[in-house]
Amino acid sequence: MEWFSGSPDELVQAKDKNILSAFYVSTENCNVCVPLRVKVEEFFKAKFPQVNLIMMRSERYPRWAAEHSLFSAPTLVLFADGKEVMRYGRNISFQELEDKLERLVDLMGD
């Protein structure tokens, strides 16, 4: 999956127009981000393909990152109907994420 390269407005639309969206936020020089990105990508592809996954670099969208308090990387932020519902920084328990996402998907009816 490629890094998001659209405009800031397209980034907002990606969050707001999808029922469920996940943003994997990284930075250019983040060593932890590279292996975690692969795991996040595989996780969503295999278990939650209905979630719109966006891979983004916070330094390319500083205003959006600041508006969402994204000051460290890596961070995974999940949105439901445009509202933040979950946030994971650096260490992600994929079992916990899966359990919470299953409940959310059931509630959202997606």
N, C-alpha and C. Protein backbone atom coordinates (compact mmCIF):
# COMPACT_ATOMS: atom_id res chain seq x y z
N MET A 1 0.84 -1.17 0.00
CA MET A 1 0.00 0.00 0.00
C MET A 1 0.89 1.24 0.00
N GLU A 2 0.53 2.18 -0.82
CA GLU A 2 1.30 3.41 -0.97
C GLU A 2 0.94 4.42 0.11
N TRP A 3 1.86 5.34 0.35
CA TRP A 3 1.58 6.44 1.27
C TRP A 3 0.53 7.34 0.64
N PHE A 4 -0.34 7.88 1.46
CA PHE A 4 -1.36 8.82 0.99
C PHE A 4 -0.64 10.03 0.39
N SER A 5 -1.07 10.45 -0.80
CA SER A 5 -0.41 11.58 -1.46
C SER A 5 -1.40 12.63 -1.94
N GLY A 6 -2.64 12.54 -1.48
CA GLY A 6 -3.65 13.50 -1.90
C GLY A 6 -3.53 14.82 -1.17
N SER A 7 -4.47 15.68 -1.45
CA SER A 7 -4.49 17.00 -0.82
C SER A 7 -4.99 16.89 0.62
N PRO A 8 -4.76 17.93 1.43
CA PRO A 8 -5.32 17.92 2.79
C PRO A 8 -6.84 17.76 2.80
N ASP A 9 -7.51 18.35 1.82
CA ASP A 9 -8.97 18.20 1.73
C ASP A 9 -9.37 16.76 1.47
N GLU A 10 -8.59 16.05 0.65
CA GLU A 10 -8.88 14.64 0.37
C GLU A 10 -8.66 13.78 1.61
N LEU A 11 -7.72 14.20 2.43
CA LEU A 11 -7.46 13.50 3.69
C LEU A 11 -8.68 13.62 4.61
N VAL A 12 -9.22 14.81 4.71
CA VAL A 12 -10.43 15.04 5.52
C VAL A 12 -11.59 14.23 4.96
N GLN A 13 -11.74 14.23 3.65
CA GLN A 13 -12.83 13.47 3.02
C GLN A 13 -12.69 11.97 3.28
N ALA A 14 -11.45 11.47 3.26
CA ALA A 14 -11.22 10.04 3.52
C ALA A 14 -11.68 9.67 4.91
N LYS A 15 -11.52 10.58 5.85
CA LYS A 15 -11.95 10.33 7.23
C LYS A 15 -13.46 10.44 7.35
N ASP A 16 -14.04 11.45 6.71
CA ASP A 16 -15.46 11.76 6.91
C ASP A 16 -16.42 10.95 6.05
N LYS A 17 -16.00 10.53 4.86
CA LYS A 17 -16.95 9.88 3.95
C LYS A 17 -17.08 8.37 4.17
N ASN A 18 -16.15 7.77 4.88
CA ASN A 18 -16.20 6.33 5.12
C ASN A 18 -16.78 6.04 6.49
N ILE A 19 -17.56 4.97 6.59
CA ILE A 19 -18.14 4.59 7.87
C ILE A 19 -17.02 4.27 8.86
N LEU A 20 -16.05 3.47 8.44
CA LEU A 20 -14.91 3.13 9.29
C LEU A 20 -13.61 3.43 8.55
N SER A 21 -12.74 4.20 9.19
CA SER A 21 -11.45 4.54 8.62
C SER A 21 -10.36 4.35 9.67
N ALA A 22 -9.21 3.90 9.21
CA ALA A 22 -8.05 3.76 10.08
C ALA A 22 -6.90 4.50 9.44
N PHE A 23 -6.23 5.34 10.21
CA PHE A 23 -5.09 6.10 9.72
C PHE A 23 -3.84 5.62 10.45
N TYR A 24 -2.90 5.09 9.67
CA TYR A 24 -1.61 4.71 10.22
C TYR A 24 -0.70 5.89 9.97
N VAL A 25 -0.26 6.53 11.05
CA VAL A 25 0.52 7.76 10.95
C VAL A 25 1.97 7.47 11.28
N SER A 26 2.83 7.85 10.36
CA SER A 26 4.26 7.61 10.49
C SER A 26 5.02 8.91 10.25
N THR A 27 6.32 8.84 10.40
CA THR A 27 7.20 9.95 10.03
C THR A 27 8.33 9.40 9.17
N GLU A 28 9.00 10.28 8.51
CA GLU A 28 10.06 9.92 7.57
C GLU A 28 11.17 9.09 8.22
N ASN A 29 11.60 9.45 9.43
CA ASN A 29 12.76 8.82 10.07
C ASN A 29 12.39 7.90 11.24
N CYS A 30 11.25 7.27 11.17
CA CYS A 30 10.79 6.42 12.26
C CYS A 30 11.19 4.97 12.00
N ASN A 31 12.09 4.45 12.83
CA ASN A 31 12.54 3.06 12.67
C ASN A 31 11.50 2.04 13.10
N VAL A 32 10.72 2.36 14.12
CA VAL A 32 9.68 1.45 14.60
C VAL A 32 8.54 1.35 13.59
N CYS A 33 8.32 2.41 12.84
CA CYS A 33 7.18 2.50 11.93
C CYS A 33 7.21 1.48 10.79
N VAL A 34 8.39 1.17 10.29
CA VAL A 34 8.49 0.30 9.11
C VAL A 34 7.96 -1.11 9.36
N PRO A 35 8.46 -1.84 10.36
CA PRO A 35 7.91 -3.19 10.56
C PRO A 35 6.46 -3.18 11.05
N LEU A 36 6.09 -2.17 11.83
CA LEU A 36 4.72 -2.11 12.32
C LEU A 36 3.75 -1.81 11.18
N ARG A 37 4.19 -1.00 10.23
CA ARG A 37 3.34 -0.68 9.08
C ARG A 37 2.95 -1.96 8.34
N VAL A 38 3.89 -2.85 8.12
CA VAL A 38 3.63 -4.10 7.43
C VAL A 38 2.61 -4.93 8.20
N LYS A 39 2.77 -5.02 9.51
CA LYS A 39 1.84 -5.78 10.34
C LYS A 39 0.43 -5.18 10.31
N VAL A 40 0.35 -3.86 10.39
CA VAL A 40 -0.96 -3.18 10.36
C VAL A 40 -1.65 -3.43 9.02
N GLU A 41 -0.88 -3.29 7.95
CA GLU A 41 -1.43 -3.51 6.62
C GLU A 41 -1.97 -4.93 6.46
N GLU A 42 -1.19 -5.92 6.87
CA GLU A 42 -1.60 -7.32 6.78
C GLU A 42 -2.82 -7.59 7.66
N PHE A 43 -2.83 -7.02 8.85
CA PHE A 43 -3.94 -7.20 9.79
C PHE A 43 -5.26 -6.72 9.17
N PHE A 44 -5.27 -5.50 8.65
CA PHE A 44 -6.52 -4.97 8.09
C PHE A 44 -6.91 -5.70 6.82
N LYS A 45 -5.96 -6.04 6.00
CA LYS A 45 -6.26 -6.75 4.75
C LYS A 45 -6.90 -8.11 5.03
N ALA A 46 -6.37 -8.82 6.02
CA ALA A 46 -6.85 -10.17 6.34
C ALA A 46 -8.13 -10.17 7.17
N LYS A 47 -8.24 -9.26 8.13
CA LYS A 47 -9.34 -9.36 9.10
C LYS A 47 -10.43 -8.30 8.94
N PHE A 48 -10.07 -7.12 8.45
CA PHE A 48 -11.05 -6.03 8.35
C PHE A 48 -10.90 -5.28 7.03
N PRO A 49 -11.13 -5.96 5.90
CA PRO A 49 -10.97 -5.30 4.60
C PRO A 49 -12.00 -4.18 4.37
N GLN A 50 -13.07 -4.18 5.15
CA GLN A 50 -14.09 -3.15 5.00
C GLN A 50 -13.68 -1.81 5.60
N VAL A 51 -12.61 -1.81 6.38
CA VAL A 51 -12.12 -0.57 6.98
C VAL A 51 -11.20 0.11 5.97
N ASN A 52 -11.46 1.39 5.73
CA ASN A 52 -10.65 2.18 4.81
C ASN A 52 -9.34 2.53 5.51
N LEU A 53 -8.24 1.88 5.10
CA LEU A 53 -6.94 2.09 5.72
C LEU A 53 -6.14 3.11 4.93
N ILE A 54 -5.68 4.14 5.62
CA ILE A 54 -4.87 5.20 5.02
C ILE A 54 -3.51 5.19 5.68
N MET A 55 -2.46 5.13 4.89
CA MET A 55 -1.09 5.23 5.38
C MET A 55 -0.62 6.65 5.11
N MET A 56 -0.27 7.39 6.17
CA MET A 56 0.13 8.78 5.94
C MET A 56 1.37 9.15 6.74
N ARG A 57 2.05 10.14 6.24
CA ARG A 57 3.21 10.71 6.92
C ARG A 57 2.80 12.05 7.51
N SER A 58 2.96 12.18 8.81
CA SER A 58 2.46 13.39 9.49
C SER A 58 3.17 14.66 9.04
N GLU A 59 4.44 14.57 8.65
CA GLU A 59 5.13 15.78 8.24
C GLU A 59 4.60 16.34 6.91
N ARG A 60 3.91 15.53 6.14
CA ARG A 60 3.32 16.01 4.88
C ARG A 60 1.97 16.71 5.12
N TYR A 61 1.38 16.44 6.26
CA TYR A 61 0.08 17.03 6.60
C TYR A 61 0.13 17.57 8.03
N PRO A 62 0.97 18.56 8.29
CA PRO A 62 1.18 19.03 9.67
C PRO A 62 -0.08 19.61 10.31
N ARG A 63 -0.90 20.29 9.55
CA ARG A 63 -2.12 20.87 10.13
C ARG A 63 -3.08 19.77 10.56
N TRP A 64 -3.29 18.78 9.71
CA TRP A 64 -4.19 17.67 10.03
C TRP A 64 -3.66 16.91 11.25
N ALA A 65 -2.34 16.68 11.26
CA ALA A 65 -1.72 15.98 12.39
C ALA A 65 -1.92 16.77 13.69
N ALA A 66 -1.73 18.06 13.63
CA ALA A 66 -1.91 18.89 14.83
C ALA A 66 -3.36 18.92 15.28
N GLU A 67 -4.28 19.02 14.34
CA GLU A 67 -5.71 19.04 14.68
C GLU A 67 -6.15 17.75 15.37
N HIS A 68 -5.46 16.67 15.08
CA HIS A 68 -5.80 15.38 15.67
C HIS A 68 -4.80 14.94 16.74
N SER A 69 -3.99 15.87 17.21
CA SER A 69 -3.01 15.63 18.29
C SER A 69 -2.10 14.44 18.00
N LEU A 70 -1.58 14.40 16.79
CA LEU A 70 -0.68 13.33 16.39
C LEU A 70 0.75 13.84 16.48
N PHE A 71 1.33 13.68 17.66
CA PHE A 71 2.66 14.22 17.92
C PHE A 71 3.74 13.17 18.04
N SER A 72 3.38 11.89 17.93
CA SER A 72 4.37 10.83 17.98
C SER A 72 4.03 9.79 16.92
N ALA A 73 5.02 9.01 16.57
CA ALA A 73 4.83 7.98 15.55
C ALA A 73 5.50 6.70 16.02
N PRO A 74 4.95 5.58 15.64
CA PRO A 74 3.74 5.42 14.85
C PRO A 74 2.49 5.55 15.72
N THR A 75 1.42 5.96 15.08
CA THR A 75 0.13 6.05 15.74
C THR A 75 -0.93 5.49 14.79
N LEU A 76 -1.84 4.72 15.33
CA LEU A 76 -2.97 4.20 14.57
C LEU A 76 -4.22 4.82 15.17
N VAL A 77 -4.96 5.56 14.34
CA VAL A 77 -6.17 6.23 14.80
C VAL A 77 -7.34 5.70 13.98
N LEU A 78 -8.40 5.28 14.68
CA LEU A 78 -9.58 4.76 14.00
C LEU A 78 -10.75 5.72 14.17
N PHE A 79 -11.47 5.91 13.07
CA PHE A 79 -12.62 6.81 13.05
C PHE A 79 -13.86 6.04 12.62
N ALA A 80 -14.98 6.34 13.27
CA ALA A 80 -16.28 5.79 12.89
C ALA A 80 -17.18 6.98 12.61
N ASP A 81 -17.72 7.03 11.41
CA ASP A 81 -18.55 8.17 10.99
C ASP A 81 -17.85 9.50 11.22
N GLY A 82 -16.53 9.54 10.97
CA GLY A 82 -15.76 10.76 11.08
C GLY A 82 -15.32 11.15 12.47
N LYS A 83 -15.67 10.34 13.47
CA LYS A 83 -15.30 10.64 14.86
C LYS A 83 -14.26 9.64 15.35
N GLU A 84 -13.25 10.14 16.06
CA GLU A 84 -12.23 9.25 16.59
C GLU A 84 -12.82 8.32 17.65
N VAL A 85 -12.55 7.02 17.49
CA VAL A 85 -13.07 6.03 18.44
C VAL A 85 -11.97 5.22 19.11
N MET A 86 -10.79 5.14 18.50
CA MET A 86 -9.67 4.40 19.08
C MET A 86 -8.37 5.04 18.65
N ARG A 87 -7.38 4.87 19.52
CA ARG A 87 -6.03 5.38 19.21
C ARG A 87 -5.00 4.47 19.86
N TYR A 88 -4.01 4.10 19.08
CA TYR A 88 -2.91 3.27 19.57
C TYR A 88 -1.61 3.95 19.17
N GLY A 89 -0.70 4.09 20.11
CA GLY A 89 0.60 4.66 19.83
C GLY A 89 1.71 3.67 20.09
N ARG A 90 2.62 3.57 19.17
CA ARG A 90 3.82 2.75 19.26
C ARG A 90 3.57 1.25 19.46
N ASN A 91 3.02 0.87 20.59
CA ASN A 91 2.77 -0.55 20.87
C ASN A 91 1.31 -0.88 20.62
N ILE A 92 1.08 -1.81 19.71
CA ILE A 92 -0.28 -2.20 19.37
C ILE A 92 -0.48 -3.66 19.74
N SER A 93 -1.48 -3.92 20.57
CA SER A 93 -1.89 -5.28 20.85
C SER A 93 -2.91 -5.65 19.77
N PHE A 94 -2.49 -6.48 18.83
CA PHE A 94 -3.37 -6.81 17.72
C PHE A 94 -4.58 -7.62 18.17
N GLN A 95 -4.45 -8.39 19.24
CA GLN A 95 -5.60 -9.13 19.76
C GLN A 95 -6.62 -8.16 20.34
N GLU A 96 -6.16 -7.19 21.11
CA GLU A 96 -7.06 -6.18 21.67
C GLU A 96 -7.70 -5.36 20.56
N LEU A 97 -6.91 -4.98 19.56
CA LEU A 97 -7.43 -4.22 18.42
C LEU A 97 -8.50 -5.02 17.69
N GLU A 98 -8.24 -6.30 17.47
CA GLU A 98 -9.21 -7.15 16.79
C GLU A 98 -10.51 -7.26 17.58
N ASP A 99 -10.42 -7.47 18.89
CA ASP A 99 -11.62 -7.57 19.72
C ASP A 99 -12.45 -6.29 19.66
N LYS A 100 -11.78 -5.15 19.79
CA LYS A 100 -12.49 -3.87 19.77
C LYS A 100 -13.08 -3.58 18.40
N LEU A 101 -12.34 -3.90 17.35
CA LEU A 101 -12.85 -3.66 16.00
C LEU A 101 -14.04 -4.57 15.68
N GLU A 102 -14.00 -5.81 16.13
CA GLU A 102 -15.14 -6.70 15.91
C GLU A 102 -16.40 -6.13 16.54
N ARG A 103 -16.28 -5.63 17.77
CA ARG A 103 -17.44 -5.03 18.44
C ARG A 103 -17.91 -3.78 17.69
N LEU A 104 -16.98 -2.97 17.26
CA LEU A 104 -17.32 -1.74 16.53
C LEU A 104 -18.00 -2.05 15.21
N VAL A 105 -17.46 -3.02 14.48
CA VAL A 105 -18.05 -3.41 13.18
C VAL A 105 -19.47 -3.93 13.40
N ASP A 106 -19.66 -4.72 14.45
CA ASP A 106 -21.01 -5.22 14.77
C ASP A 106 -21.96 -4.08 15.08
N LEU A 107 -21.49 -3.11 15.86
CA LEU A 107 -22.34 -1.96 16.20
C LEU A 107 -22.67 -1.08 15.00
N MET A 108 -21.69 -0.93 14.11
CA MET A 108 -21.87 -0.07 12.94
C MET A 108 -22.66 -0.78 11.85
N GLY A 109 -22.77 -2.10 11.97
CA GLY A 109 -23.52 -2.85 10.97
C GLY A 109 -22.81 -2.93 9.64
N ASP A 110 -21.47 -2.88 9.69
CA ASP A 110 -20.68 -2.90 8.45
C ASP A 110 -20.06 -4.26 8.24
